[in-house]
């Protein structure tokens, strides 16, 4: 019984420290971790229902794709840190949190949700018709609201 209590304490301390360190990023990051796991599992199950076959190459490629997502969030984090540094350097007293990293995280979560829904559809799970529309709408809104001037020229890149 003592071991269970120790494990609970360690897990709680870990998540408390992570929450404290990530701040506003904690929720989207935890949701993304959950979606990554669910997408990977549903993707493995959906292979049986597709014309595709499962291979170690495709599985490793999927894991590398998930790692790439974490790198994107890290890049957003670095951009946020550089903006914070710049604001502080010019002497402005503006509180700036992890805005870029949050937008990247939310976009990735929505992308993962679309993939999960597609996997479930391939498996044969009935989907409420509005669910896919809502997730697509939200993803489009994030993309639309986060457009940067001059984006139109570089949309394909």
N, C-alpha and C. Protein backbone atom coordinates (compact mmCIF):
# COMPACT_ATOMS: atom_id res chain seq x y z
N UNK A 1 0.82 -1.19 0.00
CA UNK A 1 0.00 0.00 0.00
C UNK A 1 0.87 1.26 0.00
N UNK A 2 2.00 1.20 0.68
CA UNK A 2 2.89 2.35 0.73
C UNK A 2 3.46 2.67 -0.65
N UNK A 3 3.75 1.62 -1.44
CA UNK A 3 4.28 1.84 -2.79
C UNK A 3 3.29 2.58 -3.67
N UNK A 4 2.01 2.25 -3.56
CA UNK A 4 0.97 2.91 -4.34
C UNK A 4 0.91 4.39 -3.97
N UNK A 5 1.00 4.67 -2.68
CA UNK A 5 0.97 6.04 -2.20
C UNK A 5 2.18 6.82 -2.72
N UNK A 6 3.35 6.19 -2.71
CA UNK A 6 4.57 6.84 -3.21
C UNK A 6 4.47 7.13 -4.70
N UNK A 7 3.92 6.18 -5.45
CA UNK A 7 3.76 6.37 -6.90
C UNK A 7 2.79 7.52 -7.15
N UNK A 8 1.68 7.54 -6.42
CA UNK A 8 0.71 8.64 -6.56
C UNK A 8 1.36 9.98 -6.26
N UNK A 9 2.17 10.02 -5.22
CA UNK A 9 2.86 11.26 -4.84
C UNK A 9 3.82 11.71 -5.94
N UNK A 10 4.57 10.79 -6.49
CA UNK A 10 5.53 11.11 -7.55
C UNK A 10 4.81 11.60 -8.80
N UNK A 11 3.75 10.89 -9.20
CA UNK A 11 2.98 11.28 -10.38
C UNK A 11 2.35 12.66 -10.18
N UNK A 12 1.77 12.88 -9.01
CA UNK A 12 1.15 14.17 -8.71
C UNK A 12 2.19 15.29 -8.73
N UNK A 13 3.34 15.04 -8.12
CA UNK A 13 4.41 16.05 -8.11
C UNK A 13 4.90 16.34 -9.52
N UNK A 14 5.04 15.30 -10.33
CA UNK A 14 5.49 15.47 -11.72
C UNK A 14 4.51 16.36 -12.50
N UNK A 15 3.21 16.03 -12.42
CA UNK A 15 2.22 16.81 -13.16
C UNK A 15 2.06 18.22 -12.60
N UNK A 16 2.23 18.39 -11.30
CA UNK A 16 2.18 19.73 -10.71
C UNK A 16 3.35 20.57 -11.21
N UNK A 17 4.54 19.98 -11.24
CA UNK A 17 5.72 20.70 -11.73
C UNK A 17 5.57 21.02 -13.21
N UNK A 18 5.08 20.06 -13.98
CA UNK A 18 4.87 20.26 -15.42
C UNK A 18 3.84 21.36 -15.66
N UNK A 19 2.77 21.33 -14.90
CA UNK A 19 1.72 22.35 -15.02
C UNK A 19 2.27 23.73 -14.66
N UNK A 20 3.08 23.79 -13.63
CA UNK A 20 3.66 25.06 -13.21
C UNK A 20 4.62 25.59 -14.28
N UNK A 21 5.41 24.72 -14.85
CA UNK A 21 6.39 25.13 -15.85
C UNK A 21 5.72 25.52 -17.16
N UNK A 22 4.74 24.74 -17.61
CA UNK A 22 4.08 25.01 -18.89
C UNK A 22 3.04 26.12 -18.80
N UNK A 23 2.46 26.31 -17.64
CA UNK A 23 1.45 27.35 -17.48
C UNK A 23 0.29 27.15 -18.44
N UNK A 24 0.03 28.18 -19.24
CA UNK A 24 -1.10 28.16 -20.18
C UNK A 24 -0.97 27.05 -21.23
N UNK A 25 0.24 26.56 -21.45
CA UNK A 25 0.46 25.49 -22.43
C UNK A 25 0.08 24.11 -21.90
N UNK A 26 -0.11 23.98 -20.60
CA UNK A 26 -0.34 22.66 -20.00
C UNK A 26 -1.53 21.92 -20.61
N UNK A 27 -2.67 22.59 -20.68
CA UNK A 27 -3.88 21.93 -21.18
C UNK A 27 -3.73 21.50 -22.64
N UNK A 28 -3.35 22.40 -23.57
CA UNK A 28 -3.22 21.93 -24.96
C UNK A 28 -2.16 20.85 -25.13
N UNK A 29 -1.09 20.92 -24.34
CA UNK A 29 -0.04 19.89 -24.45
C UNK A 29 -0.56 18.54 -23.96
N UNK A 30 -1.28 18.53 -22.85
CA UNK A 30 -1.83 17.27 -22.34
C UNK A 30 -2.89 16.70 -23.29
N UNK A 31 -3.70 17.58 -23.87
CA UNK A 31 -4.70 17.12 -24.84
C UNK A 31 -3.99 16.56 -26.07
N UNK A 32 -2.91 17.21 -26.51
CA UNK A 32 -2.17 16.70 -27.67
C UNK A 32 -1.55 15.34 -27.39
N UNK A 33 -0.99 15.17 -26.21
CA UNK A 33 -0.42 13.85 -25.85
C UNK A 33 -1.51 12.79 -25.93
N UNK A 34 -2.68 13.09 -25.37
CA UNK A 34 -3.79 12.13 -25.41
C UNK A 34 -4.21 11.84 -26.84
N UNK A 35 -4.33 12.89 -27.65
CA UNK A 35 -4.74 12.71 -29.05
C UNK A 35 -3.68 11.93 -29.84
N UNK A 36 -2.39 12.18 -29.55
CA UNK A 36 -1.32 11.43 -30.22
C UNK A 36 -1.47 9.93 -29.96
N UNK A 37 -1.69 9.58 -28.72
CA UNK A 37 -1.82 8.17 -28.34
C UNK A 37 -3.08 7.56 -28.98
N UNK A 38 -4.20 8.28 -28.87
CA UNK A 38 -5.45 7.77 -29.44
C UNK A 38 -5.35 7.63 -30.95
N UNK A 39 -4.74 8.62 -31.61
CA UNK A 39 -4.59 8.56 -33.07
C UNK A 39 -3.73 7.38 -33.48
N UNK A 40 -2.65 7.17 -32.76
CA UNK A 40 -1.75 6.05 -33.09
C UNK A 40 -2.48 4.72 -32.94
N UNK A 41 -3.20 4.56 -31.84
CA UNK A 41 -3.92 3.30 -31.58
C UNK A 41 -5.04 3.09 -32.60
N UNK A 42 -5.85 4.13 -32.85
CA UNK A 42 -6.93 3.98 -33.82
C UNK A 42 -6.39 3.78 -35.23
N UNK A 43 -5.23 4.37 -35.51
CA UNK A 43 -4.59 4.16 -36.81
C UNK A 43 -4.16 2.71 -36.99
N UNK A 44 -3.61 2.12 -35.93
CA UNK A 44 -3.21 0.71 -35.99
C UNK A 44 -4.43 -0.20 -36.20
N UNK A 45 -5.52 0.13 -35.52
CA UNK A 45 -6.74 -0.68 -35.66
C UNK A 45 -7.35 -0.50 -37.04
N UNK A 46 -7.33 0.74 -37.55
CA UNK A 46 -7.96 1.04 -38.84
C UNK A 46 -7.27 0.37 -40.02
N UNK A 47 -6.01 0.00 -39.86
CA UNK A 47 -5.28 -0.64 -40.96
C UNK A 47 -6.00 -1.88 -41.46
N UNK A 48 -6.62 -2.63 -40.55
CA UNK A 48 -7.35 -3.85 -40.92
C UNK A 48 -8.50 -3.56 -41.88
N UNK A 49 -9.05 -2.35 -41.78
CA UNK A 49 -10.24 -1.99 -42.54
C UNK A 49 -9.92 -1.20 -43.81
N UNK A 50 -8.66 -0.98 -44.06
CA UNK A 50 -8.23 -0.24 -45.24
C UNK A 50 -7.56 -1.20 -46.22
N UNK A 51 -7.33 -0.72 -47.42
CA UNK A 51 -6.62 -1.52 -48.42
C UNK A 51 -5.13 -1.56 -48.13
N UNK A 52 -4.73 -0.80 -47.14
CA UNK A 52 -3.33 -0.68 -46.76
C UNK A 52 -2.91 -1.85 -45.87
N UNK A 53 -1.61 -2.04 -45.73
CA UNK A 53 -1.12 -3.04 -44.78
C UNK A 53 -0.20 -2.34 -43.79
N UNK A 54 -0.08 -2.92 -42.62
CA UNK A 54 0.75 -2.36 -41.57
C UNK A 54 2.19 -2.78 -41.79
N UNK A 55 3.10 -1.85 -41.70
CA UNK A 55 4.52 -2.18 -41.80
C UNK A 55 5.27 -1.40 -40.72
N UNK A 56 6.43 -1.91 -40.38
CA UNK A 56 7.22 -1.22 -39.36
C UNK A 56 7.65 0.15 -39.88
N UNK A 57 7.88 0.28 -41.19
CA UNK A 57 8.26 1.57 -41.77
C UNK A 57 7.15 2.60 -41.55
N UNK A 58 5.90 2.23 -41.84
CA UNK A 58 4.78 3.15 -41.67
C UNK A 58 4.57 3.49 -40.19
N UNK A 59 4.78 2.51 -39.33
CA UNK A 59 4.61 2.73 -37.90
C UNK A 59 5.67 3.71 -37.39
N UNK A 60 6.91 3.52 -37.80
CA UNK A 60 7.99 4.41 -37.40
C UNK A 60 7.77 5.80 -37.99
N UNK A 61 7.29 5.85 -39.24
CA UNK A 61 6.99 7.13 -39.87
C UNK A 61 5.93 7.88 -39.07
N UNK A 62 4.91 7.18 -38.59
CA UNK A 62 3.87 7.79 -37.77
C UNK A 62 4.42 8.33 -36.46
N UNK A 63 5.31 7.59 -35.83
CA UNK A 63 5.93 8.05 -34.59
C UNK A 63 6.79 9.28 -34.87
N UNK A 64 7.55 9.26 -35.97
CA UNK A 64 8.37 10.41 -36.34
C UNK A 64 7.50 11.65 -36.60
N UNK A 65 6.34 11.44 -37.17
CA UNK A 65 5.39 12.53 -37.41
C UNK A 65 4.95 13.15 -36.08
N UNK A 66 4.69 12.29 -35.09
CA UNK A 66 4.29 12.77 -33.76
C UNK A 66 5.44 13.55 -33.12
N UNK A 67 6.66 13.06 -33.26
CA UNK A 67 7.83 13.77 -32.74
C UNK A 67 7.96 15.13 -33.43
N UNK A 68 7.69 15.16 -34.73
CA UNK A 68 7.72 16.42 -35.47
C UNK A 68 6.72 17.42 -34.91
N UNK A 69 5.57 16.94 -34.46
CA UNK A 69 4.58 17.83 -33.85
C UNK A 69 5.14 18.49 -32.61
N UNK A 70 5.86 17.72 -31.80
CA UNK A 70 6.45 18.26 -30.57
C UNK A 70 7.53 19.28 -30.91
N UNK A 71 8.23 19.04 -32.01
CA UNK A 71 9.25 20.00 -32.44
C UNK A 71 8.57 21.31 -32.87
N UNK A 72 7.41 21.23 -33.53
CA UNK A 72 6.67 22.44 -33.91
C UNK A 72 6.27 23.25 -32.68
N UNK A 73 5.82 22.57 -31.64
CA UNK A 73 5.46 23.28 -30.41
C UNK A 73 6.70 23.92 -29.80
N UNK A 74 7.81 23.21 -29.85
CA UNK A 74 9.07 23.75 -29.32
C UNK A 74 9.49 25.00 -30.11
N UNK A 75 9.31 24.99 -31.41
CA UNK A 75 9.61 26.16 -32.23
C UNK A 75 8.69 27.32 -31.82
N UNK A 76 7.40 27.05 -31.63
CA UNK A 76 6.47 28.07 -31.14
C UNK A 76 6.90 28.62 -29.79
N UNK A 77 7.36 27.73 -28.92
CA UNK A 77 7.86 28.11 -27.60
C UNK A 77 9.06 29.04 -27.75
N UNK A 78 10.00 28.69 -28.64
CA UNK A 78 11.18 29.53 -28.86
C UNK A 78 10.79 30.91 -29.40
N UNK A 79 9.83 30.93 -30.33
CA UNK A 79 9.36 32.21 -30.86
C UNK A 79 8.76 33.06 -29.74
N UNK A 80 7.94 32.44 -28.90
CA UNK A 80 7.35 33.16 -27.77
C UNK A 80 8.44 33.71 -26.84
N UNK A 81 9.45 32.90 -26.56
CA UNK A 81 10.55 33.34 -25.69
C UNK A 81 11.30 34.52 -26.32
N UNK A 82 11.51 34.47 -27.64
CA UNK A 82 12.20 35.57 -28.31
C UNK A 82 11.35 36.85 -28.27
N UNK A 83 10.04 36.72 -28.42
CA UNK A 83 9.16 37.88 -28.33
C UNK A 83 9.20 38.44 -26.90
N UNK A 84 9.15 37.56 -25.90
CA UNK A 84 9.24 38.00 -24.51
C UNK A 84 10.55 38.73 -24.25
N UNK A 85 11.64 38.17 -24.76
CA UNK A 85 12.96 38.78 -24.60
C UNK A 85 13.01 40.15 -25.27
N UNK A 86 12.46 40.24 -26.47
CA UNK A 86 12.46 41.51 -27.21
C UNK A 86 11.65 42.57 -26.49
N UNK A 87 10.49 42.20 -25.97
CA UNK A 87 9.64 43.14 -25.23
C UNK A 87 10.38 43.66 -24.01
N UNK A 88 11.02 42.75 -23.29
CA UNK A 88 11.76 43.13 -22.08
C UNK A 88 12.98 44.00 -22.44
N UNK A 89 13.65 43.66 -23.54
CA UNK A 89 14.85 44.38 -23.95
C UNK A 89 14.56 45.84 -24.29
N UNK A 90 13.43 46.10 -24.93
CA UNK A 90 13.10 47.48 -25.29
C UNK A 90 12.47 48.23 -24.12
N UNK A 91 12.32 47.57 -23.00
CA UNK A 91 11.86 48.23 -21.79
C UNK A 91 10.35 48.33 -21.63
N UNK A 92 9.62 47.57 -22.41
CA UNK A 92 8.16 47.58 -22.28
C UNK A 92 7.74 46.66 -21.15
N UNK A 93 6.68 47.01 -20.50
CA UNK A 93 6.16 46.20 -19.40
C UNK A 93 4.87 45.53 -19.86
N UNK A 94 5.01 44.63 -20.83
CA UNK A 94 3.86 43.91 -21.38
C UNK A 94 4.02 42.44 -21.01
N UNK A 95 2.98 41.88 -20.42
CA UNK A 95 3.03 40.45 -20.07
C UNK A 95 2.64 39.65 -21.31
N UNK A 96 3.55 38.82 -21.78
CA UNK A 96 3.35 38.02 -22.98
C UNK A 96 3.56 36.57 -22.62
N UNK A 97 2.54 35.74 -22.82
CA UNK A 97 2.66 34.32 -22.50
C UNK A 97 2.95 33.52 -23.77
N UNK A 98 2.69 32.27 -23.73
CA UNK A 98 3.01 31.37 -24.84
C UNK A 98 1.90 31.37 -25.89
N UNK A 99 1.75 32.46 -26.60
CA UNK A 99 0.67 32.59 -27.58
C UNK A 99 0.95 31.75 -28.82
N UNK A 100 2.13 31.87 -29.40
CA UNK A 100 2.45 31.14 -30.63
C UNK A 100 2.42 29.63 -30.36
N UNK A 101 3.05 29.20 -29.29
CA UNK A 101 3.06 27.78 -28.95
C UNK A 101 1.65 27.25 -28.70
N UNK A 102 0.79 28.07 -28.09
CA UNK A 102 -0.60 27.65 -27.85
C UNK A 102 -1.36 27.48 -29.16
N UNK A 103 -1.20 28.44 -30.07
CA UNK A 103 -1.89 28.34 -31.36
C UNK A 103 -1.40 27.11 -32.12
N UNK A 104 -0.10 26.86 -32.10
CA UNK A 104 0.46 25.67 -32.76
C UNK A 104 -0.14 24.41 -32.11
N UNK A 105 -0.18 24.38 -30.79
CA UNK A 105 -0.72 23.22 -30.07
C UNK A 105 -2.18 22.96 -30.41
N UNK A 106 -2.97 24.02 -30.41
CA UNK A 106 -4.40 23.88 -30.71
C UNK A 106 -4.58 23.38 -32.14
N UNK A 107 -3.82 23.94 -33.09
CA UNK A 107 -3.91 23.50 -34.49
C UNK A 107 -3.54 22.02 -34.61
N UNK A 108 -2.49 21.61 -33.90
CA UNK A 108 -2.08 20.20 -33.95
C UNK A 108 -3.12 19.29 -33.32
N UNK A 109 -3.73 19.72 -32.21
CA UNK A 109 -4.79 18.93 -31.57
C UNK A 109 -5.94 18.73 -32.55
N UNK A 110 -6.35 19.79 -33.21
CA UNK A 110 -7.46 19.69 -34.17
C UNK A 110 -7.09 18.78 -35.33
N UNK A 111 -5.84 18.86 -35.78
CA UNK A 111 -5.36 17.98 -36.85
C UNK A 111 -5.41 16.51 -36.41
N UNK A 112 -4.99 16.26 -35.18
CA UNK A 112 -5.04 14.90 -34.65
C UNK A 112 -6.47 14.41 -34.50
N UNK A 113 -7.37 15.31 -34.07
CA UNK A 113 -8.77 14.94 -33.94
C UNK A 113 -9.37 14.54 -35.28
N UNK A 114 -9.01 15.29 -36.34
CA UNK A 114 -9.48 14.92 -37.69
C UNK A 114 -8.99 13.53 -38.06
N UNK A 115 -7.74 13.25 -37.76
CA UNK A 115 -7.17 11.94 -38.06
C UNK A 115 -7.87 10.83 -37.27
N UNK A 116 -8.14 11.09 -36.00
CA UNK A 116 -8.84 10.10 -35.17
C UNK A 116 -10.23 9.83 -35.74
N UNK A 117 -10.94 10.89 -36.11
CA UNK A 117 -12.29 10.72 -36.67
C UNK A 117 -12.24 9.93 -37.98
N UNK A 118 -11.24 10.20 -38.82
CA UNK A 118 -11.09 9.44 -40.07
C UNK A 118 -10.80 7.97 -39.78
N UNK A 119 -9.95 7.72 -38.78
CA UNK A 119 -9.65 6.33 -38.39
C UNK A 119 -10.91 5.63 -37.91
N UNK A 120 -11.69 6.30 -37.07
CA UNK A 120 -12.92 5.71 -36.55
C UNK A 120 -13.92 5.45 -37.67
N UNK A 121 -13.99 6.37 -38.62
CA UNK A 121 -14.88 6.20 -39.77
C UNK A 121 -14.46 4.96 -40.58
N UNK A 122 -13.15 4.81 -40.79
CA UNK A 122 -12.66 3.63 -41.52
C UNK A 122 -12.93 2.33 -40.77
N UNK A 123 -12.89 2.39 -39.45
CA UNK A 123 -13.17 1.20 -38.63
C UNK A 123 -14.64 0.83 -38.72
N UNK A 124 -15.49 1.82 -39.01
CA UNK A 124 -16.92 1.56 -39.11
C UNK A 124 -17.72 2.14 -37.97
N UNK A 125 -17.08 2.93 -37.14
CA UNK A 125 -17.78 3.58 -36.04
C UNK A 125 -18.68 4.67 -36.60
N UNK A 126 -19.96 4.65 -36.26
CA UNK A 126 -20.84 5.72 -36.76
C UNK A 126 -20.46 7.06 -36.13
N UNK A 127 -20.29 8.07 -36.97
CA UNK A 127 -19.91 9.39 -36.48
C UNK A 127 -21.11 10.34 -36.59
N UNK A 128 -21.34 11.13 -35.55
CA UNK A 128 -22.38 12.15 -35.68
C UNK A 128 -21.97 13.10 -36.81
N UNK A 129 -22.86 13.42 -37.73
CA UNK A 129 -22.49 14.21 -38.91
C UNK A 129 -21.90 15.58 -38.56
N UNK A 130 -22.26 16.13 -37.43
CA UNK A 130 -21.77 17.46 -37.07
C UNK A 130 -20.36 17.46 -36.52
N UNK A 131 -19.89 16.32 -36.00
CA UNK A 131 -18.60 16.27 -35.31
C UNK A 131 -17.43 16.61 -36.23
N UNK A 132 -17.38 15.98 -37.38
CA UNK A 132 -16.30 16.25 -38.34
C UNK A 132 -16.37 17.70 -38.81
N UNK A 133 -17.59 18.20 -39.02
CA UNK A 133 -17.77 19.59 -39.46
C UNK A 133 -17.26 20.56 -38.41
N UNK A 134 -17.53 20.29 -37.14
CA UNK A 134 -17.10 21.18 -36.05
C UNK A 134 -15.57 21.23 -35.99
N UNK A 135 -14.93 20.07 -36.04
CA UNK A 135 -13.47 20.03 -35.94
C UNK A 135 -12.84 20.73 -37.15
N UNK A 136 -13.37 20.48 -38.35
CA UNK A 136 -12.84 21.15 -39.54
C UNK A 136 -13.04 22.67 -39.44
N UNK A 137 -14.22 23.08 -38.97
CA UNK A 137 -14.50 24.51 -38.81
C UNK A 137 -13.51 25.14 -37.84
N UNK A 138 -13.30 24.48 -36.70
CA UNK A 138 -12.38 25.02 -35.70
C UNK A 138 -10.96 25.13 -36.25
N UNK A 139 -10.53 24.11 -36.99
CA UNK A 139 -9.19 24.14 -37.58
C UNK A 139 -9.08 25.29 -38.58
N UNK A 140 -10.09 25.47 -39.41
CA UNK A 140 -10.09 26.58 -40.37
C UNK A 140 -10.06 27.93 -39.66
N UNK A 141 -10.80 28.04 -38.56
CA UNK A 141 -10.81 29.30 -37.80
C UNK A 141 -9.44 29.60 -37.21
N UNK A 142 -8.78 28.59 -36.67
CA UNK A 142 -7.43 28.80 -36.12
C UNK A 142 -6.50 29.26 -37.24
N UNK A 143 -6.60 28.62 -38.40
CA UNK A 143 -5.75 29.00 -39.53
C UNK A 143 -6.07 30.42 -39.99
N UNK A 144 -7.36 30.74 -40.06
CA UNK A 144 -7.78 32.06 -40.54
C UNK A 144 -7.35 33.15 -39.56
N UNK A 145 -7.56 32.92 -38.27
CA UNK A 145 -7.26 33.93 -37.25
C UNK A 145 -5.77 34.09 -37.02
N UNK A 146 -4.97 33.12 -37.41
CA UNK A 146 -3.53 33.22 -37.16
C UNK A 146 -2.75 33.59 -38.42
N UNK A 147 -3.45 34.01 -39.45
CA UNK A 147 -2.77 34.44 -40.68
C UNK A 147 -1.89 35.63 -40.40
N UNK A 148 -0.72 35.61 -41.01
CA UNK A 148 0.22 36.71 -40.90
C UNK A 148 0.24 37.43 -42.24
N UNK A 149 0.41 38.74 -42.19
CA UNK A 149 0.42 39.51 -43.42
C UNK A 149 1.46 38.93 -44.37
N UNK A 150 1.08 38.73 -45.61
CA UNK A 150 1.97 38.14 -46.61
C UNK A 150 1.86 36.64 -46.70
N UNK A 151 1.00 36.04 -45.88
CA UNK A 151 0.81 34.58 -45.87
C UNK A 151 0.34 34.04 -47.22
N UNK A 152 -0.43 34.83 -47.94
CA UNK A 152 -1.04 34.36 -49.19
C UNK A 152 0.01 33.85 -50.17
N UNK A 153 1.19 34.47 -50.17
CA UNK A 153 2.25 34.08 -51.10
C UNK A 153 2.87 32.75 -50.72
N UNK A 154 2.89 32.43 -49.44
CA UNK A 154 3.60 31.25 -48.96
C UNK A 154 2.66 30.15 -48.48
N UNK A 155 1.43 30.14 -48.95
CA UNK A 155 0.47 29.15 -48.44
C UNK A 155 0.86 27.72 -48.75
N UNK A 156 1.57 27.47 -49.84
CA UNK A 156 1.94 26.11 -50.22
C UNK A 156 3.16 25.62 -49.47
N UNK A 157 3.87 26.48 -48.77
CA UNK A 157 5.12 26.08 -48.13
C UNK A 157 4.93 25.83 -46.67
